[in-house]
Amino acid sequence: MSENLFKIYANNNVLNTLTSMISSGRLSQAFLLFGQTGLGKKTIAQYMSAKMLCEDDSNSPCGQCKICRMIEHNSHPDVQWITTKDNAKAFSVDNLRKLSVDAVIMPNEGSKKVYILADCDNMSPLAQNALLKLIEEPPEHAYFIFTATSKAVFLPTIISRVISFGVTEVSHDECRQALADNGITDENIINEALEAFGTNIGMCLSYINDDELKNAIDIAKAITDSIAGSSEYNLLKELFRLDGNKPLAKEVFSLMYSIIRDSSAIRLSNDCLVGCYKSGSQKLSNILTLKQANGIYRVFTNADTKLDQNANLSLTLTDICSEIKTIF
């Protein structure tokens, strides 16, 4: 049994509120966990399901009982995960109507069924409306946990019927402890991860374990330095490291959004930085006006859209370089 399964770092407001609700017998039947990718929303959702179902009322989730072990391995029949990661049509109207029918069926074990609808950012208004009646008048035994990067992706009618929690980053000490708990002790690697993603545990782990993400960050940093140095040659050279690899290009474009966004935040004296290259964002803020930063941001978002429309990658990369040159 993993000792870390039910260890949640920080976010005590979520855990304390849930404990209080259960103790008072006033447990809400619908929750929303929102925040940046990597902050542990799905981990907290799993913890919440174990908290609701654990056999040990005095020490839930105990992590040792049959229920906790099944939840750890995602094999509990009364805890269902619904996510487009496993099924692209998971949030289709038809599938969510089937979920509504399933929710009426009594639990296989115990007194509760928990549905975790994860990564709901692309759930359409039609799909949300298909769930509305279920969320308004849920069966007594049915509980729902939604996760998304923002509350804004949901209709007001959904938001008004769920208890929402913003999931936050942890302290540096807590992040270091989480990495150590995952077997990561190399200080150089830890410092690189913290430089790229702050105290976002999930993204730090991804950075350490995912060579493709490391490569994307390396290219995004080089592109940033080329823009900051006003070197058209270097910019074109770094962009063409993406040629022939559309998924990598889209990943780098996504990283560039945050780096450029941070450069504007710095100029506006906003210290809430989310990008993977904060020192690079500082360089850009020293040379770019807000208008120029917005222009470059649009260059990358337009390029991303072109790739979604099956545009030629080589031509798209060339266009990025020429369009950025016209902004200066």
C-alpha atoms as a PDB file:
ATOM      1  CA  MET A   1       0.000   0.000   0.000  1.00  0.00           C
ATOM      2  CA  SER A   2       1.421   3.383  -0.976  1.00  0.00           C
ATOM      3  CA  GLU A   3       2.051   5.524   2.084  1.00  0.00           C
ATOM      4  CA  ASN A   4       1.526   8.649  -0.021  1.00  0.00           C
ATOM      5  CA  LEU A   5      -1.881   7.803  -1.475  1.00  0.00           C
ATOM      6  CA  PHE A   6      -3.857   9.716   1.113  1.00  0.00           C
ATOM      7  CA  LYS A   7      -1.199  12.287   1.929  1.00  0.00           C
ATOM      8  CA  ILE A   8      -2.394  15.681   0.786  1.00  0.00           C
ATOM      9  CA  TYR A   9       0.026  18.593   0.902  1.00  0.00           C
ATOM     10  CA  ALA A  10      -1.479  21.893   2.110  1.00  0.00           C
ATOM     11  CA  ASN A  11      -5.056  22.689   0.900  1.00  0.00           C
ATOM     12  CA  ASN A  12      -6.246  22.208   4.467  1.00  0.00           C
ATOM     13  CA  ASN A  13      -9.399  24.213   3.750  1.00  0.00           C
ATOM     14  CA  VAL A  14     -10.663  21.405   1.512  1.00  0.00           C
ATOM     15  CA  LEU A  15      -9.782  18.646   3.961  1.00  0.00           C
ATOM     16  CA  ASN A  16     -11.106  20.454   7.037  1.00  0.00           C
ATOM     17  CA  THR A  17     -14.385  21.396   5.365  1.00  0.00           C
ATOM     18  CA  LEU A  18     -14.929  17.832   4.185  1.00  0.00           C
ATOM     19  CA  THR A  19     -14.192  16.452   7.658  1.00  0.00           C
ATOM     20  CA  SER A  20     -16.547  18.954   9.239  1.00  0.00           C
ATOM     21  CA  MET A  21     -19.337  18.107   6.789  1.00  0.00           C
ATOM     22  CA  ILE A  22     -19.004  14.381   7.428  1.00  0.00           C
ATOM     23  CA  SER A  23     -18.856  14.851  11.214  1.00  0.00           C
ATOM     24  CA  SER A  24     -21.975  17.009  11.199  1.00  0.00           C
ATOM     25  CA  GLY A  25     -23.873  14.727   8.838  1.00  0.00           C
ATOM     26  CA  ARG A  26     -24.262  17.561   6.336  1.00  0.00           C
ATOM     27  CA  LEU A  27     -22.127  16.319   3.478  1.00  0.00           C
ATOM     28  CA  SER A  28     -22.709  18.150   0.215  1.00  0.00           C
ATOM     29  CA  GLN A  29     -23.406  15.895  -2.744  1.00  0.00           C
ATOM     30  CA  ALA A  30     -21.486  17.925  -5.345  1.00  0.00           C
ATOM     31  CA  PHE A  31     -18.016  19.474  -5.236  1.00  0.00           C
ATOM     32  CA  LEU A  32     -15.789  21.332  -7.684  1.00  0.00           C
ATOM     33  CA  LEU A  33     -12.002  21.396  -7.358  1.00  0.00           C
ATOM     34  CA  PHE A  34     -10.407  24.009  -9.602  1.00  0.00           C
ATOM     35  CA  GLY A  35      -6.880  25.255 -10.190  1.00  0.00           C
ATOM     36  CA  GLN A  36      -3.867  24.952 -12.479  1.00  0.00           C
ATOM     37  CA  THR A  37      -2.831  21.651 -13.961  1.00  0.00           C
ATOM     38  CA  GLY A  38      -0.533  19.754 -11.596  1.00  0.00           C
ATOM     39  CA  LEU A  39      -1.850  21.059  -8.272  1.00  0.00           C
ATOM     40  CA  GLY A  40      -3.321  17.704  -7.263  1.00  0.00           C
ATOM     41  CA  LYS A  41      -7.030  18.115  -7.962  1.00  0.00           C
ATOM     42  CA  LYS A  42      -7.488  14.468  -8.948  1.00  0.00           C
ATOM     43  CA  THR A  43      -5.418  13.316  -5.960  1.00  0.00           C
ATOM     44  CA  ILE A  44      -7.669  15.325  -3.657  1.00  0.00           C
ATOM     45  CA  ALA A  45     -10.756  13.931  -5.430  1.00  0.00           C
ATOM     46  CA  GLN A  46      -9.476  10.401  -4.782  1.00  0.00           C
ATOM     47  CA  TYR A  47      -8.819  11.331  -1.152  1.00  0.00           C
ATOM     48  CA  MET A  48     -12.361  12.717  -0.852  1.00  0.00           C
ATOM     49  CA  SER A  49     -13.892   9.518  -2.228  1.00  0.00           C
ATOM     50  CA  ALA A  50     -11.880   7.461   0.276  1.00  0.00           C
ATOM     51  CA  LYS A  51     -12.877   9.834   3.073  1.00  0.00           C
ATOM     52  CA  MET A  52     -16.546   9.284   2.222  1.00  0.00           C
ATOM     53  CA  LEU A  53     -16.348   5.483   1.904  1.00  0.00           C
ATOM     54  CA  CYS A  54     -13.584   4.329   4.291  1.00  0.00           C
ATOM     55  CA  GLU A  55     -14.622   1.646   6.791  1.00  0.00           C
ATOM     56  CA  ASP A  56     -12.716   3.323   9.639  1.00  0.00           C
ATOM     57  CA  ASP A  57     -14.974   6.165  10.795  1.00  0.00           C
ATOM     58  CA  SER A  58     -12.453   7.317  13.404  1.00  0.00           C
ATOM     59  CA  ASN A  59      -9.455   7.585  11.088  1.00  0.00           C
ATOM     60  CA  SER A  60     -10.723   7.990   7.541  1.00  0.00           C
ATOM     61  CA  PRO A  61      -9.262   7.486   5.098  1.00  0.00           C
ATOM     62  CA  CYS A  62      -7.208   4.844   6.848  1.00  0.00           C
ATOM     63  CA  GLY A  63      -5.466   3.611   3.700  1.00  0.00           C
ATOM     64  CA  GLN A  64      -5.571   0.033   4.977  1.00  0.00           C
ATOM     65  CA  CYS A  65      -9.130  -1.233   4.729  1.00  0.00           C
ATOM     66  CA  LYS A  66     -10.527  -3.113   1.730  1.00  0.00           C
ATOM     67  CA  ILE A  67     -12.306   0.003   0.478  1.00  0.00           C
ATOM     68  CA  CYS A  68      -9.190   2.191   0.624  1.00  0.00           C
ATOM     69  CA  ARG A  69      -7.133  -0.454  -1.164  1.00  0.00           C
ATOM     70  CA  MET A  70      -9.709  -0.716  -3.947  1.00  0.00           C
ATOM     71  CA  ILE A  71      -9.847   3.075  -4.294  1.00  0.00           C
ATOM     72  CA  GLU A  72      -6.045   3.155  -4.496  1.00  0.00           C
ATOM     73  CA  HIS A  73      -6.158   0.798  -7.467  1.00  0.00           C
ATOM     74  CA  ASN A  74      -9.210   2.469  -9.033  1.00  0.00           C
ATOM     75  CA  SER A  75     -11.137  -0.795  -8.707  1.00  0.00           C
ATOM     76  CA  HIS A  76     -13.911   0.175  -6.294  1.00  0.00           C
ATOM     77  CA  PRO A  77     -17.252  -0.438  -8.027  1.00  0.00           C
ATOM     78  CA  ASP A  78     -18.860   2.590  -6.373  1.00  0.00           C
ATOM     79  CA  VAL A  79     -16.150   5.101  -7.335  1.00  0.00           C
ATOM     80  CA  GLN A  80     -16.384   5.892 -11.030  1.00  0.00           C
ATOM     81  CA  TRP A  81     -13.921   8.091 -12.916  1.00  0.00           C
ATOM     82  CA  ILE A  82     -15.266   9.888 -15.975  1.00  0.00           C
ATOM     83  CA  THR A  83     -12.618  11.666 -18.046  1.00  0.00           C
ATOM     84  CA  THR A  84     -11.896  12.342 -21.706  1.00  0.00           C
ATOM     85  CA  LYS A  85      -8.361  11.067 -21.110  1.00  0.00           C
ATOM     86  CA  ASP A  86      -9.772   7.539 -21.201  1.00  0.00           C
ATOM     87  CA  ASN A  87     -12.669   8.202 -23.563  1.00  0.00           C
ATOM     88  CA  ALA A  88     -12.854  11.176 -25.929  1.00  0.00           C
ATOM     89  CA  LYS A  89     -16.656  11.031 -25.764  1.00  0.00           C
ATOM     90  CA  ALA A  90     -16.845  10.723 -21.967  1.00  0.00           C
ATOM     91  CA  PHE A  91     -18.580  14.096 -21.655  1.00  0.00           C
ATOM     92  CA  SER A  92     -20.951  13.653 -24.569  1.00  0.00           C
ATOM     93  CA  VAL A  93     -24.613  14.319 -23.870  1.00  0.00           C
ATOM     94  CA  ASP A  94     -25.449  10.648 -24.414  1.00  0.00           C
ATOM     95  CA  ASN A  95     -22.785   9.434 -21.997  1.00  0.00           C
ATOM     96  CA  LEU A  96     -23.814  11.887 -19.301  1.00  0.00           C
ATOM     97  CA  ARG A  97     -27.438  10.835 -19.671  1.00  0.00           C
ATOM     98  CA  LYS A  98     -26.273   7.239 -19.128  1.00  0.00           C
ATOM     99  CA  LEU A  99     -24.448   8.444 -16.016  1.00  0.00           C
ATOM    100  CA  SER A 100     -27.712   9.938 -14.755  1.00  0.00           C
ATOM    101  CA  VAL A 101     -29.418   6.567 -15.181  1.00  0.00           C
ATOM    102  CA  ASP A 102     -26.532   4.756 -13.456  1.00  0.00           C
ATOM    103  CA  ALA A 103     -26.615   7.188 -10.524  1.00  0.00           C
ATOM    104  CA  VAL A 104     -30.102   6.004  -9.595  1.00  0.00           C
ATOM    105  CA  ILE A 105     -28.875   2.427  -9.107  1.00  0.00           C
ATOM    106  CA  MET A 106     -28.016   1.612  -5.491  1.00  0.00           C
ATOM    107  CA  PRO A 107     -24.327   1.187  -4.506  1.00  0.00           C
ATOM    108  CA  ASN A 108     -22.687  -2.216  -4.737  1.00  0.00           C
ATOM    109  CA  GLU A 109     -21.049  -1.806  -1.332  1.00  0.00           C
ATOM    110  CA  GLY A 110     -21.827   0.571   1.508  1.00  0.00           C
ATOM    111  CA  SER A 111     -24.194   3.506   1.276  1.00  0.00           C
ATOM    112  CA  LYS A 112     -22.568   5.875  -1.252  1.00  0.00           C
ATOM    113  CA  LYS A 113     -21.561   6.073  -4.897  1.00  0.00           C
ATOM    114  CA  VAL A 114     -18.987   8.680  -5.969  1.00  0.00           C
ATOM    115  CA  TYR A 115     -18.619   9.976  -9.522  1.00  0.00           C
ATOM    116  CA  ILE A 116     -15.393  11.856 -10.270  1.00  0.00           C
ATOM    117  CA  LEU A 117     -15.691  13.908 -13.473  1.00  0.00           C
ATOM    118  CA  ALA A 118     -12.095  14.941 -14.094  1.00  0.00           C
ATOM    119  CA  ASP A 119     -10.621  17.620 -16.371  1.00  0.00           C
ATOM    120  CA  CYS A 120     -13.964  19.158 -17.309  1.00  0.00           C
ATOM    121  CA  ASP A 121     -12.525  22.184 -19.133  1.00  0.00           C
ATOM    122  CA  ASN A 122     -13.985  21.084 -22.452  1.00  0.00           C
ATOM    123  CA  MET A 123     -17.370  19.947 -21.174  1.00  0.00           C
ATOM    124  CA  SER A 124     -19.892  21.672 -23.434  1.00  0.00           C
ATOM    125  CA  PRO A 125     -22.856  23.718 -22.158  1.00  0.00           C
ATOM    126  CA  LEU A 126     -25.163  21.072 -23.663  1.00  0.00           C
ATOM    127  CA  ALA A 127     -23.401  18.363 -21.672  1.00  0.00           C
ATOM    128  CA  GLN A 128     -23.559  20.449 -18.503  1.00  0.00           C
ATOM    129  CA  ASN A 129     -27.262  20.973 -19.000  1.00  0.00           C
ATOM    130  CA  ALA A 130     -27.671  17.213 -19.365  1.00  0.00           C
ATOM    131  CA  LEU A 131     -26.260  16.897 -15.836  1.00  0.00           C
ATOM    132  CA  LEU A 132     -28.159  19.802 -14.312  1.00  0.00           C
ATOM    133  CA  LYS A 133     -31.237  17.934 -13.101  1.00  0.00           C
ATOM    134  CA  LEU A 134     -29.048  15.218 -11.588  1.00  0.00           C
ATOM    135  CA  ILE A 135     -26.989  17.809  -9.685  1.00  0.00           C
ATOM    136  CA  GLU A 136     -30.143  19.662  -8.614  1.00  0.00           C
ATOM    137  CA  GLU A 137     -31.918  16.552  -7.307  1.00  0.00           C
ATOM    138  CA  PRO A 138     -29.347  13.791  -6.839  1.00  0.00           C
ATOM    139  CA  PRO A 139     -30.257  10.366  -5.471  1.00  0.00           C
ATOM    140  CA  GLU A 140     -29.521  10.257  -1.752  1.00  0.00           C
ATOM    141  CA  HIS A 141     -26.581   7.883  -2.239  1.00  0.00           C
ATOM    142  CA  ALA A 142     -24.894   9.697  -5.169  1.00  0.00           C
ATOM    143  CA  TYR A 143     -22.005  12.175  -4.829  1.00  0.00           C
ATOM    144  CA  PHE A 144     -20.190  14.113  -7.536  1.00  0.00           C
ATOM    145  CA  ILE A 145     -16.700  15.625  -7.690  1.00  0.00           C
ATOM    146  CA  PHE A 146     -15.738  17.795 -10.668  1.00  0.00           C
ATOM    147  CA  THR A 147     -12.215  18.991 -11.470  1.00  0.00           C
ATOM    148  CA  ALA A 148     -11.230  21.785 -13.875  1.00  0.00           C
ATOM    149  CA  THR A 149      -8.623  24.497 -14.238  1.00  0.00           C
ATOM    150  CA  SER A 150     -11.212  27.248 -13.698  1.00  0.00           C
ATOM    151  CA  LYS A 151     -14.726  27.775 -12.371  1.00  0.00           C
ATOM    152  CA  ALA A 152     -15.374  29.835 -15.496  1.00  0.00           C
ATOM    153  CA  VAL A 153     -15.733  26.712 -17.645  1.00  0.00           C
ATOM    154  CA  PHE A 154     -18.991  25.847 -15.896  1.00  0.00           C
ATOM    155  CA  LEU A 155     -22.439  27.331 -16.333  1.00  0.00           C
ATOM    156  CA  PRO A 156     -23.655  29.519 -13.442  1.00  0.00           C
ATOM    157  CA  THR A 157     -26.456  27.003 -12.871  1.00  0.00           C
ATOM    158  CA  ILE A 158     -23.863  24.292 -12.165  1.00  0.00           C
ATOM    159  CA  ILE A 159     -21.659  26.535 -10.018  1.00  0.00           C
ATOM    160  CA  SER A 160     -24.615  27.507  -7.832  1.00  0.00           C
ATOM    161  CA  ARG A 161     -25.224  23.846  -6.978  1.00  0.00           C
ATOM    162  CA  VAL A 162     -21.705  22.721  -6.048  1.00  0.00           C
ATOM    163  CA  ILE A 163     -19.290  23.489  -3.232  1.00  0.00           C
ATOM    164  CA  SER A 164     -16.231  24.999  -4.938  1.00  0.00           C
ATOM    165  CA  PHE A 165     -12.662  24.804  -3.675  1.00  0.00           C
ATOM    166  CA  GLY A 166      -9.685  26.523  -5.272  1.00  0.00           C
ATOM    167  CA  VAL A 167      -6.703  24.151  -5.106  1.00  0.00           C
ATOM    168  CA  THR A 168      -3.496  26.049  -4.426  1.00  0.00           C
ATOM    169  CA  GLU A 169       0.247  25.563  -4.679  1.00  0.00           C
ATOM    170  CA  VAL A 170       2.113  24.461  -1.573  1.00  0.00           C
ATOM    171  CA  SER A 171       5.114  25.980   0.223  1.00  0.00           C
ATOM    172  CA  HIS A 172       8.652  25.301  -0.990  1.00  0.00           C
ATOM    173  CA  ASP A 173       9.259  23.012   1.995  1.00  0.00           C
ATOM    174  CA  GLU A 174       6.062  21.065   1.292  1.00  0.00           C
ATOM    175  CA  CYS A 175       6.958  20.737  -2.390  1.00  0.00           C
ATOM    176  CA  ARG A 176      10.437  19.484  -1.550  1.00  0.00           C
ATOM    177  CA  GLN A 177       8.908  16.993   0.893  1.00  0.00           C
ATOM    178  CA  ALA A 178       6.465  15.783  -1.760  1.00  0.00           C
ATOM    179  CA  LEU A 179       9.322  15.250  -4.228  1.00  0.00           C
ATOM    180  CA  ALA A 180      11.317  13.413  -1.554  1.00  0.00           C
ATOM    181  CA  ASP A 181       8.277  11.249  -0.818  1.00  0.00           C
ATOM    182  CA  ASN A 182       8.333  10.323  -4.502  1.00  0.00           C
ATOM    183  CA  GLY A 183      11.976   9.277  -4.295  1.00  0.00           C
ATOM    184  CA  ILE A 184      13.504  12.448  -5.756  1.00  0.00           C
ATOM    185  CA  THR A 185      16.466  13.725  -3.728  1.00  0.00           C
ATOM    186  CA  ASP A 186      18.895  15.180  -6.294  1.00  0.00           C
ATOM    187  CA  GLU A 187      19.100  18.860  -5.346  1.00  0.00           C
ATOM    188  CA  ASN A 188      20.073  20.003  -8.836  1.00  0.00           C
ATOM    189  CA  ILE A 189      17.055  18.309 -10.403  1.00  0.00           C
ATOM    190  CA  ILE A 190      14.760  19.606  -7.657  1.00  0.00           C
ATOM    191  CA  ASN A 191      16.032  23.167  -8.128  1.00  0.00           C
ATOM    192  CA  GLU A 192      15.532  22.918 -11.912  1.00  0.00           C
ATOM    193  CA  ALA A 193      11.967  21.753 -11.372  1.00  0.00           C
ATOM    194  CA  LEU A 194      11.234  24.519  -8.864  1.00  0.00           C
ATOM    195  CA  GLU A 195      12.688  27.106 -11.255  1.00  0.00           C
ATOM    196  CA  ALA A 196      10.419  25.867 -14.037  1.00  0.00           C
ATOM    197  CA  PHE A 197       7.178  25.256 -12.153  1.00  0.00           C
ATOM    198  CA  GLY A 198       7.450  26.820  -8.721  1.00  0.00           C
ATOM    199  CA  THR A 199       5.761  24.726  -6.056  1.00  0.00           C
ATOM    200  CA  ASN A 200       3.322  22.978  -8.398  1.00  0.00           C
ATOM    201  CA  ILE A 201       4.025  19.414  -7.291  1.00  0.00           C
ATOM    202  CA  GLY A 202       2.436  17.683 -10.273  1.00  0.00           C
ATOM    203  CA  MET A 203       4.251  19.776 -12.858  1.00  0.00           C
ATOM    204  CA  CYS A 204       7.554  19.411 -10.975  1.00  0.00           C
ATOM    205  CA  LEU A 205       7.128  15.628 -11.069  1.00  0.00           C
ATOM    206  CA  SER A 206       6.256  15.776 -14.764  1.00  0.00           C
ATOM    207  CA  TYR A 207       9.351  17.869 -15.457  1.00  0.00           C
ATOM    208  CA  ILE A 208      11.599  15.420 -13.624  1.00  0.00           C
ATOM    209  CA  ASN A 209      10.102  12.271 -15.161  1.00  0.00           C
ATOM    210  CA  ASP A 210       9.165  13.428 -18.673  1.00  0.00           C
ATOM    211  CA  ASP A 211      12.066  13.941 -21.073  1.00  0.00           C
ATOM    212  CA  GLU A 212       9.718  15.318 -23.743  1.00  0.00           C
ATOM    213  CA  LEU A 213       8.521  18.054 -21.394  1.00  0.00           C
ATOM    214  CA  LYS A 214      12.126  18.896 -20.521  1.00  0.00           C
ATOM    215  CA  ASN A 215      12.903  19.202 -24.235  1.00  0.00           C
ATOM    216  CA  ALA A 216       9.873  21.436 -24.809  1.00  0.00           C
ATOM    217  CA  ILE A 217      10.924  23.710 -21.946  1.00  0.00           C
ATOM    218  CA  ASP A 218      14.485  23.882 -23.266  1.00  0.00           C
ATOM    219  CA  ILE A 219      13.180  24.991 -26.679  1.00  0.00           C
ATOM    220  CA  ALA A 220      10.725  27.492 -25.157  1.00  0.00           C
ATOM    221  CA  LYS A 221      13.553  29.040 -23.142  1.00  0.00           C
ATOM    222  CA  ALA A 222      15.749  29.291 -26.246  1.00  0.00           C
ATOM    223  CA  ILE A 223      12.921  30.917 -28.233  1.00  0.00           C
ATOM    224  CA  THR A 224      12.373  33.387 -25.390  1.00  0.00           C
ATOM    225  CA  ASP A 225      16.074  34.277 -25.308  1.00  0.00           C
ATOM    226  CA  SER A 226      16.072  34.741 -29.095  1.00  0.00           C
ATOM    227  CA  ILE A 227      13.144  37.165 -28.871  1.00  0.00           C
ATOM    228  CA  ALA A 228      14.749  38.999 -25.943  1.00  0.00           C
ATOM    229  CA  GLY A 229      18.012  39.245 -27.891  1.00  0.00           C
ATOM    230  CA  SER A 230      16.246  40.428 -31.071  1.00  0.00           C
ATOM    231  CA  SER A 231      18.033  37.704 -33.034  1.00  0.00           C
ATOM    232  CA  GLU A 232      15.975  36.715 -36.060  1.00  0.00           C
ATOM    233  CA  TYR A 233      18.493  34.038 -37.037  1.00  0.00           C
ATOM    234  CA  ASN A 234      18.465  32.385 -33.591  1.00  0.00           C
ATOM    235  CA  LEU A 235      14.682  32.608 -33.410  1.00  0.00           C
ATOM    236  CA  LEU A 236      14.268  30.831 -36.733  1.00  0.00           C
ATOM    237  CA  LYS A 237      16.888  28.237 -35.752  1.00  0.00           C
ATOM    238  CA  GLU A 238      15.136  27.466 -32.444  1.00  0.00           C
ATOM    239  CA  LEU A 239      11.684  27.380 -34.022  1.00  0.00           C
ATOM    240  CA  PHE A 240      12.849  24.863 -36.598  1.00  0.00           C
ATOM    241  CA  ARG A 241      13.823  22.466 -33.827  1.00  0.00           C
ATOM    242  CA  LEU A 242      10.061  21.865 -33.855  1.00  0.00           C
ATOM    243  CA  ASP A 243       9.853  21.046 -37.545  1.00  0.00           C
ATOM    244  CA  GLY A 244       8.331  17.650 -38.178  1.00  0.00           C
ATOM    245  CA  ASN A 245       6.956  17.318 -34.644  1.00  0.00           C
ATOM    246  CA  LYS A 246       3.511  18.862 -34.359  1.00  0.00           C
ATOM    247  CA  PRO A 247       2.777  17.647 -30.778  1.00  0.00           C
ATOM    248  CA  LEU A 248       6.070  19.137 -29.582  1.00  0.00           C
ATOM    249  CA  ALA A 249       5.292  22.403 -31.387  1.00  0.00           C
ATOM    250  CA  LYS A 250       1.907  22.650 -29.701  1.00  0.00           C
ATOM    251  CA  GLU A 251       3.509  21.963 -26.302  1.00  0.00           C
ATOM    252  CA  VAL A 252       6.112  24.680 -26.863  1.00  0.00           C
ATOM    253  CA  PHE A 253       3.460  27.155 -28.012  1.00  0.00           C
ATOM    254  CA  SER A 254       1.535  26.468 -24.792  1.00  0.00           C
ATOM    255  CA  LEU A 255       4.660  27.140 -22.733  1.00  0.00           C
ATOM    256  CA  MET A 256       5.248  30.367 -24.671  1.00  0.00           C
ATOM    257  CA  TYR A 257       1.757  31.623 -23.790  1.00  0.00           C
ATOM    258  CA  SER A 258       2.630  31.509 -20.104  1.00  0.00           C
ATOM    259  CA  ILE A 259       6.116  32.985 -20.526  1.00  0.00           C
ATOM    260  CA  ILE A 260       4.770  35.947 -22.506  1.00  0.00           C
ATOM    261  CA  ARG A 261       1.802  36.337 -20.163  1.00  0.00           C
ATOM    262  CA  ASP A 262       4.269  36.560 -17.259  1.00  0.00           C
ATOM    263  CA  SER A 263       6.258  39.291 -19.021  1.00  0.00           C
ATOM    264  CA  SER A 264       3.126  41.452 -19.060  1.00  0.00           C
ATOM    265  CA  ALA A 265       2.332  40.564 -15.453  1.00  0.00           C
ATOM    266  CA  ILE A 266       5.797  41.770 -14.407  1.00  0.00           C
ATOM    267  CA  ARG A 267       5.274  45.117 -16.176  1.00  0.00           C
ATOM    268  CA  LEU A 268       1.971  45.462 -14.335  1.00  0.00           C
ATOM    269  CA  SER A 269       3.661  44.684 -10.997  1.00  0.00           C
ATOM    270  CA  ASN A 270       1.729  41.434 -10.695  1.00  0.00           C
ATOM    271  CA  ASP A 271       3.840  38.820  -8.926  1.00  0.00           C
ATOM    272  CA  CYS A 272       1.527  35.914  -9.775  1.00  0.00           C
ATOM    273  CA  LEU A 273       3.747  34.206 -12.354  1.00  0.00           C
ATOM    274  CA  VAL A 274       2.779  30.862 -13.889  1.00  0.00           C
ATOM    275  CA  GLY A 275       5.307  30.272 -16.681  1.00  0.00           C
ATOM    276  CA  CYS A 276       8.265  27.890 -16.754  1.00  0.00           C
ATOM    277  CA  TYR A 277      10.931  30.576 -17.381  1.00  0.00           C
ATOM    278  CA  LYS A 278      10.480  33.464 -14.981  1.00  0.00           C
ATOM    279  CA  SER A 279      13.890  34.995 -15.597  1.00  0.00           C
ATOM    280  CA  GLY A 280      13.142  34.884 -19.338  1.00  0.00           C
ATOM    281  CA  SER A 281       9.828  36.628 -18.740  1.00  0.00           C
ATOM    282  CA  GLN A 282      11.763  39.311 -16.864  1.00  0.00           C
ATOM    283  CA  LYS A 283      14.039  39.788 -19.903  1.00  0.00           C
ATOM    284  CA  LEU A 284      10.999  40.197 -22.165  1.00  0.00           C
ATOM    285  CA  SER A 285       9.362  42.643 -19.776  1.00  0.00           C
ATOM    286  CA  ASN A 286      12.454  44.843 -20.061  1.00  0.00           C
ATOM    287  CA  ILE A 287      12.144  45.212 -23.834  1.00  0.00           C
ATOM    288  CA  LEU A 288       8.480  44.657 -24.731  1.00  0.00           C
ATOM    289  CA  THR A 289       5.622  47.076 -24.345  1.00  0.00           C
ATOM    290  CA  LEU A 290       2.294  45.562 -23.293  1.00  0.00           C
ATOM    291  CA  LYS A 291       1.100  46.002 -26.873  1.00  0.00           C
ATOM    292  CA  GLN A 292       4.116  44.134 -28.250  1.00  0.00           C
ATOM    293  CA  ALA A 293       3.725  41.329 -25.689  1.00  0.00           C
ATOM    294  CA  ASN A 294       0.071  40.974 -26.623  1.00  0.00           C
ATOM    295  CA  GLY A 295       1.041  40.887 -30.293  1.00  0.00           C
ATOM    296  CA  ILE A 296       3.563  38.084 -29.761  1.00  0.00           C
ATOM    297  CA  TYR A 297       1.057  36.184 -27.627  1.00  0.00           C
ATOM    298  CA  ARG A 298      -1.387  36.341 -30.537  1.00  0.00           C
ATOM    299  CA  VAL A 299       1.278  35.125 -32.962  1.00  0.00           C
ATOM    300  CA  PHE A 300       1.638  31.905 -30.978  1.00  0.00           C
ATOM    301  CA  THR A 301      -2.100  31.438 -30.377  1.00  0.00           C
ATOM    302  CA  ASN A 302      -2.789  31.946 -34.099  1.00  0.00           C
ATOM    303  CA  ALA A 303      -0.050  29.447 -34.947  1.00  0.00           C
ATOM    304  CA  ASP A 304      -1.604  26.922 -32.575  1.00  0.00           C
ATOM    305  CA  THR A 305      -4.977  27.409 -34.261  1.00  0.00           C
ATOM    306  CA  LYS A 306      -3.398  26.921 -37.686  1.00  0.00           C
ATOM    307  CA  LEU A 307      -1.930  23.592 -36.598  1.00  0.00           C
ATOM    308  CA  ASP A 308      -5.340  22.485 -35.346  1.00  0.00           C
ATOM    309  CA  GLN A 309      -6.570  23.251 -38.868  1.00  0.00           C
ATOM    310  CA  ASN A 310      -3.798  21.064 -40.343  1.00  0.00           C
ATOM    311  CA  ALA A 311      -1.645  23.904 -41.631  1.00  0.00           C
ATOM    312  CA  ASN A 312       1.863  23.034 -42.835  1.00  0.00           C
ATOM    313  CA  LEU A 313       4.168  23.105 -39.797  1.00  0.00           C
ATOM    314  CA  SER A 314       7.255  24.408 -41.639  1.00  0.00           C
ATOM    315  CA  LEU A 315       5.317  27.323 -43.121  1.00  0.00           C
ATOM    316  CA  THR A 316       3.714  28.045 -39.748  1.00  0.00           C
ATOM    317  CA  LEU A 317       7.119  28.232 -38.063  1.00  0.00           C
ATOM    318  CA  THR A 318       8.412  30.576 -40.776  1.00  0.00           C
ATOM    319  CA  ASP A 319       5.327  32.770 -40.356  1.00  0.00           C
ATOM    320  CA  ILE A 320       5.924  32.996 -36.589  1.00  0.00           C
ATOM    321  CA  CYS A 321       9.402  34.360 -37.152  1.00  0.00           C
ATOM    322  CA  SER A 322       8.333  36.932 -39.772  1.00  0.00           C
ATOM    323  CA  GLU A 323       5.326  38.077 -37.755  1.00  0.00           C
ATOM    324  CA  ILE A 324       7.372  38.564 -34.575  1.00  0.00           C
ATOM    325  CA  LYS A 325       9.915  40.576 -36.593  1.00  0.00           C
ATOM    326  CA  THR A 326       7.166  43.013 -37.685  1.00  0.00           C
ATOM    327  CA  ILE A 327       6.132  43.604 -34.038  1.00  0.00           C
ATOM    328  CA  PHE A 328       9.481  45.164 -33.086  1.00  0.00           C
END
